[in-house]
PDB file of N, CA and C in Angstrom:
ATOM      1  N   MET A   1      74.710  27.831  25.631  1.00  0.00           N
ATOM      2  CA  MET A   1      74.693  26.345  25.433  1.00  0.00           C
ATOM      3  C   MET A   1      73.843  26.038  24.233  1.00  0.00           C
ATOM      4  N   HIS A   2      74.396  25.430  23.148  1.00  0.00           N
ATOM      5  CA  HIS A   2      73.544  24.679  22.237  1.00  0.00           C
ATOM      6  C   HIS A   2      73.438  23.262  22.046  1.00  0.00           C
ATOM      7  N   LEU A   3      72.299  22.754  22.391  1.00  0.00           N
ATOM      8  CA  LEU A   3      72.037  21.368  22.417  1.00  0.00           C
ATOM      9  C   LEU A   3      71.551  20.983  20.864  1.00  0.00           C
ATOM     10  N   GLU A   4      72.088  19.845  20.628  1.00  0.00           N
ATOM     11  CA  GLU A   4      71.636  19.095  19.568  1.00  0.00           C
ATOM     12  C   GLU A   4      70.253  18.448  19.642  1.00  0.00           C
ATOM     13  N   TYR A   5      69.545  18.383  18.577  1.00  0.00           N
ATOM     14  CA  TYR A   5      68.245  17.743  18.869  1.00  0.00           C
ATOM     15  C   TYR A   5      68.176  16.450  19.733  1.00  0.00           C
ATOM     16  N   ALA A   6      69.325  15.513  19.381  1.00  0.00           N
ATOM     17  CA  ALA A   6      69.084  14.260  20.167  1.00  0.00           C
ATOM     18  C   ALA A   6      69.330  14.373  21.753  1.00  0.00           C
ATOM     19  N   ASP A   7      70.024  15.728  21.969  1.00  0.00           N
ATOM     20  CA  ASP A   7      70.482  16.119  23.478  1.00  0.00           C
ATOM     21  C   ASP A   7      69.255  16.709  24.227  1.00  0.00           C
ATOM     22  N   TRP A   8      68.245  17.268  23.375  1.00  0.00           N
ATOM     23  CA  TRP A   8      67.299  18.305  23.965  1.00  0.00           C
ATOM     24  C   TRP A   8      66.346  17.507  24.901  1.00  0.00           C
ATOM     25  N   ASN A   9      65.958  16.227  24.620  1.00  0.00           N
ATOM     26  CA  ASN A   9      64.981  15.655  25.508  1.00  0.00           C
ATOM     27  C   ASN A   9      65.470  15.463  26.819  1.00  0.00           C
ATOM     28  N   GLY A  10      64.532  16.036  27.824  1.00  0.00           N
ATOM     29  CA  GLY A  10      64.883  15.926  29.337  1.00  0.00           C
ATOM     30  C   GLY A  10      65.554  17.111  29.720  1.00  0.00           C
ATOM     31  N   TYR A  11      66.006  18.015  28.993  1.00  0.00           N
ATOM     32  CA  TYR A  11      66.712  19.244  29.424  1.00  0.00           C
ATOM     33  C   TYR A  11      65.559  20.198  29.821  1.00  0.00           C
ATOM     34  N   THR A  12      65.574  20.817  30.924  1.00  0.00           N
ATOM     35  CA  THR A  12      64.662  21.871  31.311  1.00  0.00           C
ATOM     36  C   THR A  12      65.183  23.266  31.142  1.00  0.00           C
ATOM     37  N   GLY A  13      66.545  23.474  30.918  1.00  0.00           N
ATOM     38  CA  GLY A  13      66.757  24.860  30.650  1.00  0.00           C
ATOM     39  C   GLY A  13      67.397  25.414  31.937  1.00  0.00           C
ATOM     40  N   TRP A  14      67.042  24.972  33.086  1.00  0.00           N
ATOM     41  CA  TRP A  14      67.556  25.298  34.132  1.00  0.00           C
ATOM     42  C   TRP A  14      68.652  24.628  34.909  1.00  0.00           C
ATOM     43  N   GLY A  15      69.536  23.758  34.131  1.00  0.00           N
ATOM     44  CA  GLY A  15      70.452  23.073  34.503  1.00  0.00           C
ATOM     45  C   GLY A  15      70.189  21.769  34.985  1.00  0.00           C
ATOM     46  N   GLU A  16      68.904  21.358  34.865  1.00  0.00           N
ATOM     47  CA  GLU A  16      68.414  20.026  35.377  1.00  0.00           C
ATOM     48  C   GLU A  16      67.965  19.191  34.385  1.00  0.00           C
ATOM     49  N   TRP A  17      67.954  17.835  34.409  1.00  0.00           N
ATOM     50  CA  TRP A  17      67.711  16.883  33.661  1.00  0.00           C
ATOM     51  C   TRP A  17      66.554  16.060  34.186  1.00  0.00           C
ATOM     52  N   PHE A  18      65.398  15.981  33.390  1.00  0.00           N
ATOM     53  CA  PHE A  18      64.436  15.087  33.758  1.00  0.00           C
ATOM     54  C   PHE A  18      63.742  14.389  32.621  1.00  0.00           C
ATOM     55  N   PRO A  19      63.146  13.197  33.048  1.00  0.00           N
ATOM     56  CA  PRO A  19      62.672  12.493  31.589  1.00  0.00           C
ATOM     57  C   PRO A  19      61.431  13.123  31.269  1.00  0.00           C
ATOM     58  N   ARG A  20      61.242  13.237  29.991  1.00  0.00           N
ATOM     59  CA  ARG A  20      60.083  13.928  29.507  1.00  0.00           C
ATOM     60  C   ARG A  20      59.363  13.098  28.625  1.00  0.00           C
ATOM     61  N   ILE A  21      58.079  13.175  28.366  1.00  0.00           N
ATOM     62  CA  ILE A  21      57.096  12.743  27.419  1.00  0.00           C
ATOM     63  C   ILE A  21      57.456  13.617  26.188  1.00  0.00           C
ATOM     64  N   PRO A  22      57.650  12.977  24.879  1.00  0.00           N
ATOM     65  CA  PRO A  22      58.061  13.762  23.771  1.00  0.00           C
ATOM     66  C   PRO A  22      56.907  14.709  23.442  1.00  0.00           C
ATOM     67  N   MET A  23      57.036  15.764  23.149  1.00  0.00           N
ATOM     68  CA  MET A  23      55.816  16.619  22.949  1.00  0.00           C
ATOM     69  C   MET A  23      55.405  16.402  21.330  1.00  0.00           C
ATOM     70  N   GLY A  24      56.537  16.089  20.467  1.00  0.00           N
ATOM     71  CA  GLY A  24      56.155  15.765  19.063  1.00  0.00           C
ATOM     72  C   GLY A  24      55.578  17.077  18.242  1.00  0.00           C
ATOM     73  N   THR A  25      55.875  18.096  18.729  1.00  0.00           N
ATOM     74  CA  THR A  25      55.479  19.380  18.117  1.00  0.00           C
ATOM     75  C   THR A  25      56.458  19.806  16.976  1.00  0.00           C
ATOM     76  N   THR A  26      57.734  20.470  17.285  1.00  0.00           N
ATOM     77  CA  THR A  26      58.498  20.697  16.312  1.00  0.00           C
ATOM     78  C   THR A  26      59.886  20.560  16.766  1.00  0.00           C
ATOM     79  N   ASP A  27      60.719  20.775  15.904  1.00  0.00           N
ATOM     80  CA  ASP A  27      62.208  20.671  15.979  1.00  0.00           C
ATOM     81  C   ASP A  27      62.623  21.828  17.004  1.00  0.00           C
ATOM     82  N   PRO A  28      63.474  21.555  17.953  1.00  0.00           N
ATOM     83  CA  PRO A  28      63.594  22.771  18.967  1.00  0.00           C
ATOM     84  C   PRO A  28      64.267  23.837  18.165  1.00  0.00           C
ATOM     85  N   ASP A  29      65.172  23.342  17.166  1.00  0.00           N
ATOM     86  CA  ASP A  29      65.763  24.478  16.303  1.00  0.00           C
ATOM     87  C   ASP A  29      64.923  25.311  15.323  1.00  0.00           C
ATOM     88  N   ASP A  30      63.742  24.837  15.133  1.00  0.00           N
ATOM     89  CA  ASP A  30      62.681  25.567  14.294  1.00  0.00           C
ATOM     90  C   ASP A  30      62.071  26.829  15.107  1.00  0.00           C
ATOM     91  N   VAL A  31      62.325  27.978  14.695  1.00  0.00           N
ATOM     92  CA  VAL A  31      61.979  29.157  15.501  1.00  0.00           C
ATOM     93  C   VAL A  31      60.815  29.794  14.594  1.00  0.00           C
ATOM     94  N   THR A  32      60.300  29.282  13.598  1.00  0.00           N
ATOM     95  CA  THR A  32      59.655  29.796  12.607  1.00  0.00           C
ATOM     96  C   THR A  32      58.225  30.355  13.418  1.00  0.00           C
ATOM     97  N   LEU A  33      57.492  29.452  14.092  1.00  0.00           N
ATOM     98  CA  LEU A  33      56.070  29.794  14.717  1.00  0.00           C
ATOM     99  C   LEU A  33      56.374  30.971  15.793  1.00  0.00           C
ATOM    100  N   MET A  34      57.596  30.739  16.500  1.00  0.00           N
ATOM    101  CA  MET A  34      57.873  31.523  17.523  1.00  0.00           C
ATOM    102  C   MET A  34      57.930  33.097  17.042  1.00  0.00           C
ATOM    103  N   MET A  35      58.623  33.007  15.804  1.00  0.00           N
ATOM    104  CA  MET A  35      59.086  34.315  15.233  1.00  0.00           C
ATOM    105  C   MET A  35      57.756  35.053  14.666  1.00  0.00           C
ATOM    106  N   TYR A  36      56.883  33.993  13.996  1.00  0.00           N
ATOM    107  CA  TYR A  36      55.490  34.687  13.610  1.00  0.00           C
ATOM    108  C   TYR A  36      54.795  34.970  14.645  1.00  0.00           C
ATOM    109  N   SER A  37      54.673  34.376  15.651  1.00  0.00           N
ATOM    110  CA  SER A  37      54.033  34.853  16.865  1.00  0.00           C
ATOM    111  C   SER A  37      54.370  36.054  17.523  1.00  0.00           C
ATOM    112  N   ALA A  38      55.551  36.367  17.521  1.00  0.00           N
ATOM    113  CA  ALA A  38      56.256  37.489  17.983  1.00  0.00           C
ATOM    114  C   ALA A  38      55.894  38.855  16.994  1.00  0.00           C
ATOM    115  N   GLU A  39      56.029  38.658  15.762  1.00  0.00           N
ATOM    116  CA  GLU A  39      55.620  39.519  14.748  1.00  0.00           C
ATOM    117  C   GLU A  39      54.262  39.833  14.773  1.00  0.00           C
ATOM    118  N   SER A  40      53.310  38.953  15.069  1.00  0.00           N
ATOM    119  CA  SER A  40      51.851  39.194  15.436  1.00  0.00           C
ATOM    120  C   SER A  40      51.665  40.169  16.398  1.00  0.00           C
ATOM    121  N   PHE A  41      52.394  39.851  17.530  1.00  0.00           N
ATOM    122  CA  PHE A  41      52.139  40.622  18.742  1.00  0.00           C
ATOM    123  C   PHE A  41      52.529  42.098  18.464  1.00  0.00           C
ATOM    124  N   LEU A  42      53.389  42.624  17.458  1.00  0.00           N
ATOM    125  CA  LEU A  42      53.775  43.773  17.387  1.00  0.00           C
ATOM    126  C   LEU A  42      52.677  44.939  17.426  1.00  0.00           C
ATOM    127  N   VAL A  43      51.702  44.730  16.615  1.00  0.00           N
ATOM    128  CA  VAL A  43      50.612  45.634  16.162  1.00  0.00           C
ATOM    129  C   VAL A  43      49.729  45.947  17.573  1.00  0.00           C
ATOM    130  N   PRO A  44      49.099  44.610  18.094  1.00  0.00           N
ATOM    131  CA  PRO A  44      48.686  44.654  19.402  1.00  0.00           C
ATOM    132  C   PRO A  44      49.462  45.545  20.550  1.00  0.00           C
ATOM    133  N   THR A  45      50.717  45.122  20.694  1.00  0.00           N
ATOM    134  CA  THR A  45      51.312  45.981  21.545  1.00  0.00           C
ATOM    135  C   THR A  45      51.412  47.434  21.301  1.00  0.00           C
ATOM    136  N   GLN A  46      51.475  47.679  20.148  1.00  0.00           N
ATOM    137  CA  GLN A  46      51.520  49.250  19.615  1.00  0.00           C
ATOM    138  C   GLN A  46      50.014  49.997  20.155  1.00  0.00           C
ATOM    139  N   GLU A  47      48.975  49.223  19.743  1.00  0.00           N
ATOM    140  CA  GLU A  47      47.739  49.830  19.922  1.00  0.00           C
ATOM    141  C   GLU A  47      47.585  49.916  21.519  1.00  0.00           C
ATOM    142  N   LEU A  48      48.007  48.830  22.367  1.00  0.00           N
ATOM    143  CA  LEU A  48      48.000  48.886  23.714  1.00  0.00           C
ATOM    144  C   LEU A  48      48.784  49.981  24.311  1.00  0.00           C
ATOM    145  N   ASN A  49      49.981  50.120  23.837  1.00  0.00           N
ATOM    146  CA  ASN A  49      50.616  51.327  24.272  1.00  0.00           C
ATOM    147  C   ASN A  49      49.996  52.747  24.013  1.00  0.00           C
ATOM    148  N   ALA A  50      49.413  52.721  22.777  1.00  0.00           N
ATOM    149  CA  ALA A  50      48.589  54.130  22.609  1.00  0.00           C
ATOM    150  C   ALA A  50      47.422  54.216  23.495  1.00  0.00           C
ATOM    151  N   LEU A  51      46.671  53.091  23.796  1.00  0.00           N
ATOM    152  CA  LEU A  51      45.644  53.218  24.849  1.00  0.00           C
ATOM    153  C   LEU A  51      46.230  53.583  26.160  1.00  0.00           C
ATOM    154  N   LEU A  52      47.156  52.950  26.572  1.00  0.00           N
ATOM    155  CA  LEU A  52      47.634  53.375  28.023  1.00  0.00           C
ATOM    156  C   LEU A  52      48.070  54.854  27.900  1.00  0.00           C
ATOM    157  N   LYS A  53      48.827  55.011  27.050  1.00  0.00           N
ATOM    158  CA  LYS A  53      49.132  56.597  26.863  1.00  0.00           C
ATOM    159  C   LYS A  53      48.056  57.460  27.080  1.00  0.00           C
ATOM    160  N   ALA A  54      46.878  57.166  26.341  1.00  0.00           N
ATOM    161  CA  ALA A  54      45.564  57.934  26.478  1.00  0.00           C
ATOM    162  C   ALA A  54      45.201  57.907  28.121  1.00  0.00           C
ATOM    163  N   ILE A  55      45.115  56.683  28.516  1.00  0.00           N
ATOM    164  CA  ILE A  55      44.496  56.571  29.965  1.00  0.00           C
ATOM    165  C   ILE A  55      45.454  57.415  30.748  1.00  0.00           C
ATOM    166  N   SER A  56      46.824  57.390  30.745  1.00  0.00           N
ATOM    167  CA  SER A  56      47.503  58.015  31.722  1.00  0.00           C
ATOM    168  C   SER A  56      47.888  59.404  31.227  1.00  0.00           C
ATOM    169  N   GLN A  57      47.509  59.916  30.192  1.00  0.00           N
ATOM    170  CA  GLN A  57      47.908  61.294  29.981  1.00  0.00           C
ATOM    171  C   GLN A  57      46.631  62.199  29.626  1.00  0.00           C
ATOM    172  N   ASP A  58      45.519  61.459  29.401  1.00  0.00           N
ATOM    173  CA  ASP A  58      44.114  62.225  28.840  1.00  0.00           C
ATOM    174  C   ASP A  58      43.152  62.018  29.977  1.00  0.00           C
ATOM    175  N   LYS A  59      43.172  63.087  31.036  1.00  0.00           N
ATOM    176  CA  LYS A  59      42.138  62.860  32.054  1.00  0.00           C
ATOM    177  C   LYS A  59      40.804  62.710  31.735  1.00  0.00           C
ATOM    178  N   PRO A  60      40.185  63.614  30.934  1.00  0.00           N
ATOM    179  CA  PRO A  60      38.841  63.317  30.241  1.00  0.00           C
ATOM    180  C   PRO A  60      38.520  62.041  29.860  1.00  0.00           C
ATOM    181  N   PHE A  61      39.561  61.532  28.948  1.00  0.00           N
ATOM    182  CA  PHE A  61      39.184  60.120  28.409  1.00  0.00           C
ATOM    183  C   PHE A  61      39.424  59.237  29.591  1.00  0.00           C
ATOM    184  N   ALA A  62      40.332  59.239  30.570  1.00  0.00           N
ATOM    185  CA  ALA A  62      40.308  58.040  31.681  1.00  0.00           C
ATOM    186  C   ALA A  62      38.999  58.377  32.259  1.00  0.00           C
ATOM    187  N   HIS A  63      38.338  59.518  32.542  1.00  0.00           N
ATOM    188  CA  HIS A  63      37.143  59.641  33.301  1.00  0.00           C
ATOM    189  C   HIS A  63      36.039  58.993  32.631  1.00  0.00           C
ATOM    190  N   ASP A  64      35.712  59.253  31.260  1.00  0.00           N
ATOM    191  CA  ASP A  64      35.028  58.762  30.539  1.00  0.00           C
ATOM    192  C   ASP A  64      34.946  57.180  30.599  1.00  0.00           C
ATOM    193  N   LEU A  65      36.289  56.580  30.518  1.00  0.00           N
ATOM    194  CA  LEU A  65      36.155  55.239  30.368  1.00  0.00           C
ATOM    195  C   LEU A  65      36.003  54.663  31.615  1.00  0.00           C
ATOM    196  N   LYS A  66      36.402  55.111  32.616  1.00  0.00           N
ATOM    197  CA  LYS A  66      36.128  54.673  34.032  1.00  0.00           C
ATOM    198  C   LYS A  66      34.610  54.756  34.380  1.00  0.00           C
ATOM    199  N   LYS A  67      33.893  55.821  34.046  1.00  0.00           N
ATOM    200  CA  LYS A  67      32.635  56.107  34.345  1.00  0.00           C
ATOM    201  C   LYS A  67      31.746  55.004  33.505  1.00  0.00           C
ATOM    202  N   ALA A  68      32.123  54.671  32.171  1.00  0.00           N
ATOM    203  CA  ALA A  68      31.297  53.961  31.451  1.00  0.00           C
ATOM    204  C   ALA A  68      31.639  52.292  32.126  1.00  0.00           C
ATOM    205  N   ALA A  69      32.555  51.985  32.473  1.00  0.00           N
ATOM    206  CA  ALA A  69      33.084  50.914  32.999  1.00  0.00           C
ATOM    207  C   ALA A  69      32.024  50.446  34.384  1.00  0.00           C
ATOM    208  N   GLU A  70      32.216  51.652  35.154  1.00  0.00           N
ATOM    209  CA  GLU A  70      31.438  51.647  36.524  1.00  0.00           C
ATOM    210  C   GLU A  70      30.143  51.400  36.441  1.00  0.00           C
ATOM    211  N   LEU A  71      29.447  51.992  35.402  1.00  0.00           N
ATOM    212  CA  LEU A  71      28.024  51.798  35.072  1.00  0.00           C
ATOM    213  C   LEU A  71      27.746  50.521  34.129  1.00  0.00           C
ATOM    214  N   ASN A  72      28.716  49.795  33.774  1.00  0.00           N
ATOM    215  CA  ASN A  72      28.753  48.526  33.064  1.00  0.00           C
ATOM    216  C   ASN A  72      28.101  48.668  31.825  1.00  0.00           C
ATOM    217  N   LYS A  73      28.545  49.950  31.127  1.00  0.00           N
ATOM    218  CA  LYS A  73      28.109  50.220  29.886  1.00  0.00           C
ATOM    219  C   LYS A  73      29.274  49.783  28.815  1.00  0.00           C
ATOM    220  N   THR A  74      29.202  48.310  28.696  1.00  0.00           N
ATOM    221  CA  THR A  74      30.388  47.666  27.875  1.00  0.00           C
ATOM    222  C   THR A  74      30.472  48.120  26.479  1.00  0.00           C
ATOM    223  N   ASP A  75      29.337  48.557  25.815  1.00  0.00           N
ATOM    224  CA  ASP A  75      29.480  48.922  24.431  1.00  0.00           C
ATOM    225  C   ASP A  75      30.012  50.377  24.413  1.00  0.00           C
ATOM    226  N   GLU A  76      29.963  51.200  25.338  1.00  0.00           N
ATOM    227  CA  GLU A  76      30.629  52.467  25.565  1.00  0.00           C
ATOM    228  C   GLU A  76      32.040  52.104  25.734  1.00  0.00           C
ATOM    229  N   VAL A  77      32.383  51.436  26.555  1.00  0.00           N
ATOM    230  CA  VAL A  77      33.722  51.170  26.846  1.00  0.00           C
ATOM    231  C   VAL A  77      34.593  50.625  25.564  1.00  0.00           C
ATOM    232  N   ILE A  78      33.991  49.734  24.730  1.00  0.00           N
ATOM    233  CA  ILE A  78      34.546  49.274  23.593  1.00  0.00           C
ATOM    234  C   ILE A  78      34.825  50.582  22.480  1.00  0.00           C
ATOM    235  N   LYS A  79      33.657  51.304  22.482  1.00  0.00           N
ATOM    236  CA  LYS A  79      33.718  52.470  21.536  1.00  0.00           C
ATOM    237  C   LYS A  79      34.964  53.378  22.067  1.00  0.00           C
ATOM    238  N   LEU A  80      35.051  53.540  23.202  1.00  0.00           N
ATOM    239  CA  LEU A  80      36.107  54.477  23.758  1.00  0.00           C
ATOM    240  C   LEU A  80      37.491  53.943  23.574  1.00  0.00           C
ATOM    241  N   ILE A  81      37.586  52.523  23.646  1.00  0.00           N
ATOM    242  CA  ILE A  81      38.652  51.905  23.417  1.00  0.00           C
ATOM    243  C   ILE A  81      39.390  52.061  21.937  1.00  0.00           C
ATOM    244  N   LYS A  82      38.236  51.640  21.064  1.00  0.00           N
ATOM    245  CA  LYS A  82      38.619  51.811  19.684  1.00  0.00           C
ATOM    246  C   LYS A  82      38.828  53.103  19.302  1.00  0.00           C
ATOM    247  N   SER A  83      38.452  54.125  20.015  1.00  0.00           N
ATOM    248  CA  SER A  83      38.624  55.479  19.659  1.00  0.00           C
ATOM    249  C   SER A  83      40.005  55.712  19.647  1.00  0.00           C
ATOM    250  N   LYS A  84      40.770  55.056  20.556  1.00  0.00           N
ATOM    251  CA  LYS A  84      42.087  55.508  20.576  1.00  0.00           C
ATOM    252  C   LYS A  84      43.109  54.592  19.676  1.00  0.00           C
ATOM    253  N   GLY A  85      42.305  53.916  18.702  1.00  0.00           N
ATOM    254  CA  GLY A  85      43.103  53.312  17.510  1.00  0.00           C
ATOM    255  C   GLY A  85      43.290  51.658  17.857  1.00  0.00           C
ATOM    256  N   VAL A  86      42.486  51.272  18.666  1.00  0.00           N
ATOM    257  CA  VAL A  86      42.570  49.753  19.009  1.00  0.00           C
ATOM    258  C   VAL A  86      41.794  48.845  17.974  1.00  0.00           C
ATOM    259  N   HIS A  87      42.563  48.006  16.996  1.00  0.00           N
ATOM    260  CA  HIS A  87      41.698  47.530  15.970  1.00  0.00           C
ATOM    261  C   HIS A  87      41.812  45.970  16.190  1.00  0.00           C
ATOM    262  N   THR A  88      42.747  45.513  16.946  1.00  0.00           N
ATOM    263  CA  THR A  88      42.818  44.080  17.225  1.00  0.00           C
ATOM    264  C   THR A  88      41.625  43.601  18.080  1.00  0.00           C
ATOM    265  N   GLU A  89      41.161  42.592  17.795  1.00  0.00           N
ATOM    266  CA  GLU A  89      40.164  41.769  18.518  1.00  0.00           C
ATOM    267  C   GLU A  89      40.464  41.862  19.913  1.00  0.00           C
ATOM    268  N   PHE A  90      39.370  42.139  20.767  1.00  0.00           N
ATOM    269  CA  PHE A  90      39.700  42.208  22.257  1.00  0.00           C
ATOM    270  C   PHE A  90      38.281  41.814  22.952  1.00  0.00           C
ATOM    271  N   ASN A  91      38.369  41.395  24.136  1.00  0.00           N
ATOM    272  CA  ASN A  91      37.315  41.366  24.949  1.00  0.00           C
ATOM    273  C   ASN A  91      37.419  42.205  26.180  1.00  0.00           C
ATOM    274  N   VAL A  92      36.354  42.707  26.841  1.00  0.00           N
ATOM    275  CA  VAL A  92      36.230  43.635  27.888  1.00  0.00           C
ATOM    276  C   VAL A  92      35.533  42.942  28.984  1.00  0.00           C
ATOM    277  N   GLN A  93      35.898  43.099  30.103  1.00  0.00           N
ATOM    278  CA  GLN A  93      35.299  42.766  31.256  1.00  0.00           C
ATOM    279  C   GLN A  93      35.219  44.028  32.133  1.00  0.00           C
ATOM    280  N   VAL A  94      34.063  44.495  32.591  1.00  0.00           N
ATOM    281  CA  VAL A  94      34.215  45.682  33.511  1.00  0.00           C
ATOM    282  C   VAL A  94      33.292  45.458  34.641  1.00  0.00           C
ATOM    283  N   ASN A  95      33.720  46.140  35.638  1.00  0.00           N
ATOM    284  CA  ASN A  95      32.985  46.135  37.093  1.00  0.00           C
ATOM    285  C   ASN A  95      33.203  47.468  37.882  1.00  0.00           C
ATOM    286  N   PRO A  96      32.707  47.435  38.786  1.00  0.00           N
ATOM    287  CA  PRO A  96      32.941  48.835  39.500  1.00  0.00           C
ATOM    288  C   PRO A  96      34.431  49.128  40.100  1.00  0.00           C
ATOM    289  N   ASP A  97      35.170  48.101  40.051  1.00  0.00           N
ATOM    290  CA  ASP A  97      36.420  47.844  40.611  1.00  0.00           C
ATOM    291  C   ASP A  97      37.649  48.104  39.662  1.00  0.00           C
ATOM    292  N   GLY A  98      37.278  47.818  38.358  1.00  0.00           N
ATOM    293  CA  GLY A  98      38.211  47.899  37.464  1.00  0.00           C
ATOM    294  C   GLY A  98      37.852  47.371  36.058  1.00  0.00           C
ATOM    295  N   ILE A  99      38.785  47.224  35.064  1.00  0.00           N
ATOM    296  CA  ILE A  99      38.538  46.989  33.799  1.00  0.00           C
ATOM    297  C   ILE A  99      39.767  46.044  33.421  1.00  0.00           C
ATOM    298  N   ARG A 100      39.159  44.911  32.713  1.00  0.00           N
ATOM    299  CA  ARG A 100      40.103  43.984  32.100  1.00  0.00           C
ATOM    300  C   ARG A 100      39.926  43.722  30.658  1.00  0.00           C
ATOM    301  N   ILE A 101      40.921  43.855  29.924  1.00  0.00           N
ATOM    302  CA  ILE A 101      40.919  43.910  28.396  1.00  0.00           C
ATOM    303  C   ILE A 101      41.743  42.876  27.992  1.00  0.00           C
ATOM    304  N   GLU A 102      41.352  41.760  27.042  1.00  0.00           N
ATOM    305  CA  GLU A 102      41.927  40.711  26.693  1.00  0.00           C
ATOM    306  C   GLU A 102      42.205  40.939  24.953  1.00  0.00           C
ATOM    307  N   PHE A 103      43.376  40.890  24.756  1.00  0.00           N
ATOM    308  CA  PHE A 103      43.694  41.069  23.149  1.00  0.00           C
ATOM    309  C   PHE A 103      43.929  39.801  22.675  1.00  0.00           C
ATOM    310  N   LYS A 104      43.381  39.164  21.663  1.00  0.00           N
ATOM    311  CA  LYS A 104      43.681  38.018  20.849  1.00  0.00           C
ATOM    312  C   LYS A 104      43.989  38.169  19.553  1.00  0.00           C
ATOM    313  N   PRO A 105      44.675  37.216  19.010  1.00  0.00           N
ATOM    314  CA  PRO A 105      44.964  37.247  17.772  1.00  0.00           C
ATOM    315  C   PRO A 105      44.003  36.973  16.811  1.00  0.00           C
ATOM    316  N   ASP A 106      44.396  37.439  15.525  1.00  0.00           N
ATOM    317  CA  ASP A 106      43.246  37.432  14.517  1.00  0.00           C
ATOM    318  C   ASP A 106      43.384  35.865  14.050  1.00  0.00           C
ATOM    319  N   HIS A 107      44.359  35.261  14.055  1.00  0.00           N
ATOM    320  CA  HIS A 107      44.610  33.977  13.641  1.00  0.00           C
ATOM    321  C   HIS A 107      45.194  32.906  14.670  1.00  0.00           C
ATOM    322  N   ALA A 108      44.492  31.833  14.901  1.00  0.00           N
ATOM    323  CA  ALA A 108      44.910  31.074  15.834  1.00  0.00           C
ATOM    324  C   ALA A 108      46.478  30.593  15.837  1.00  0.00           C
ATOM    325  N   ASP A 109      47.086  30.641  14.588  1.00  0.00           N
ATOM    326  CA  ASP A 109      48.481  30.325  14.391  1.00  0.00           C
ATOM    327  C   ASP A 109      49.376  31.340  15.093  1.00  0.00           C
ATOM    328  N   ALA A 110      48.872  32.657  15.264  1.00  0.00           N
ATOM    329  CA  ALA A 110      49.712  33.720  15.989  1.00  0.00           C
ATOM    330  C   ALA A 110      50.060  33.334  17.261  1.00  0.00           C
ATOM    331  N   CYS A 111      49.205  32.616  18.040  1.00  0.00           N
ATOM    332  CA  CYS A 111      49.601  32.277  19.350  1.00  0.00           C
ATOM    333  C   CYS A 111      50.124  33.114  20.377  1.00  0.00           C
ATOM    334  N   PHE A 112      49.361  34.059  20.580  1.00  0.00           N
ATOM    335  CA  PHE A 112      49.699  35.040  21.653  1.00  0.00           C
ATOM    336  C   PHE A 112      48.535  35.536  22.533  1.00  0.00           C
ATOM    337  N   PHE A 113      48.649  36.087  23.723  1.00  0.00           N
ATOM    338  CA  PHE A 113      47.519  36.536  24.251  1.00  0.00           C
ATOM    339  C   PHE A 113      48.093  37.743  25.070  1.00  0.00           C
ATOM    340  N   ILE A 114      47.420  38.793  25.400  1.00  0.00           N
ATOM    341  CA  ILE A 114      47.600  39.783  26.238  1.00  0.00           C
ATOM    342  C   ILE A 114      46.419  40.267  27.129  1.00  0.00           C
ATOM    343  N   ARG A 115      46.715  40.350  28.204  1.00  0.00           N
ATOM    344  CA  ARG A 115      45.554  40.550  29.193  1.00  0.00           C
ATOM    345  C   ARG A 115      46.220  41.925  30.057  1.00  0.00           C
ATOM    346  N   LEU A 116      45.403  43.076  29.795  1.00  0.00           N
ATOM    347  CA  LEU A 116      45.526  44.227  30.625  1.00  0.00           C
ATOM    348  C   LEU A 116      44.469  44.272  31.730  1.00  0.00           C
ATOM    349  N   SER A 117      44.874  44.367  33.050  1.00  0.00           N
ATOM    350  CA  SER A 117      44.041  44.742  33.886  1.00  0.00           C
ATOM    351  C   SER A 117      44.241  46.078  34.605  1.00  0.00           C
ATOM    352  N   LEU A 118      43.505  46.937  34.667  1.00  0.00           N
ATOM    353  CA  LEU A 118      43.562  48.194  35.389  1.00  0.00           C
ATOM    354  C   LEU A 118      42.392  48.331  36.378  1.00  0.00           C
ATOM    355  N   CYS A 119      42.838  48.913  37.704  1.00  0.00           N
ATOM    356  CA  CYS A 119      41.907  49.158  38.687  1.00  0.00           C
ATOM    357  C   CYS A 119      41.783  50.484  39.157  1.00  0.00           C
ATOM    358  N   TRP A 120      40.663  50.888  39.956  1.00  0.00           N
ATOM    359  CA  TRP A 120      40.737  52.161  40.357  1.00  0.00           C
ATOM    360  C   TRP A 120      40.267  52.262  41.814  1.00  0.00           C
TER     361      TRP A 120
END
């Protein structure tokens, strides 16, 4: 179903119509920002994939990462993560139960966010 801009206001996409406060952001037909955001997402997801493969297939690496996290050695955790090719900016929260890694874009315009949580 293709809606013209004049028809867009109030359509939820779920077959229902509700009055909406105009967002005033962009034309619904303009996908430029969404495409840029998706493109910006590609490199971090490749890095995340490499990290997950390392954790799932390299037992010594997984052991070292878990041990450093359990001991709250955040600098060591970051070093280990970067050693697997992660160059995208990220934050790490560690505790004895697991690890959470949050990837953020280099530019606010990229508009994406990835959160990985692993427990043990």
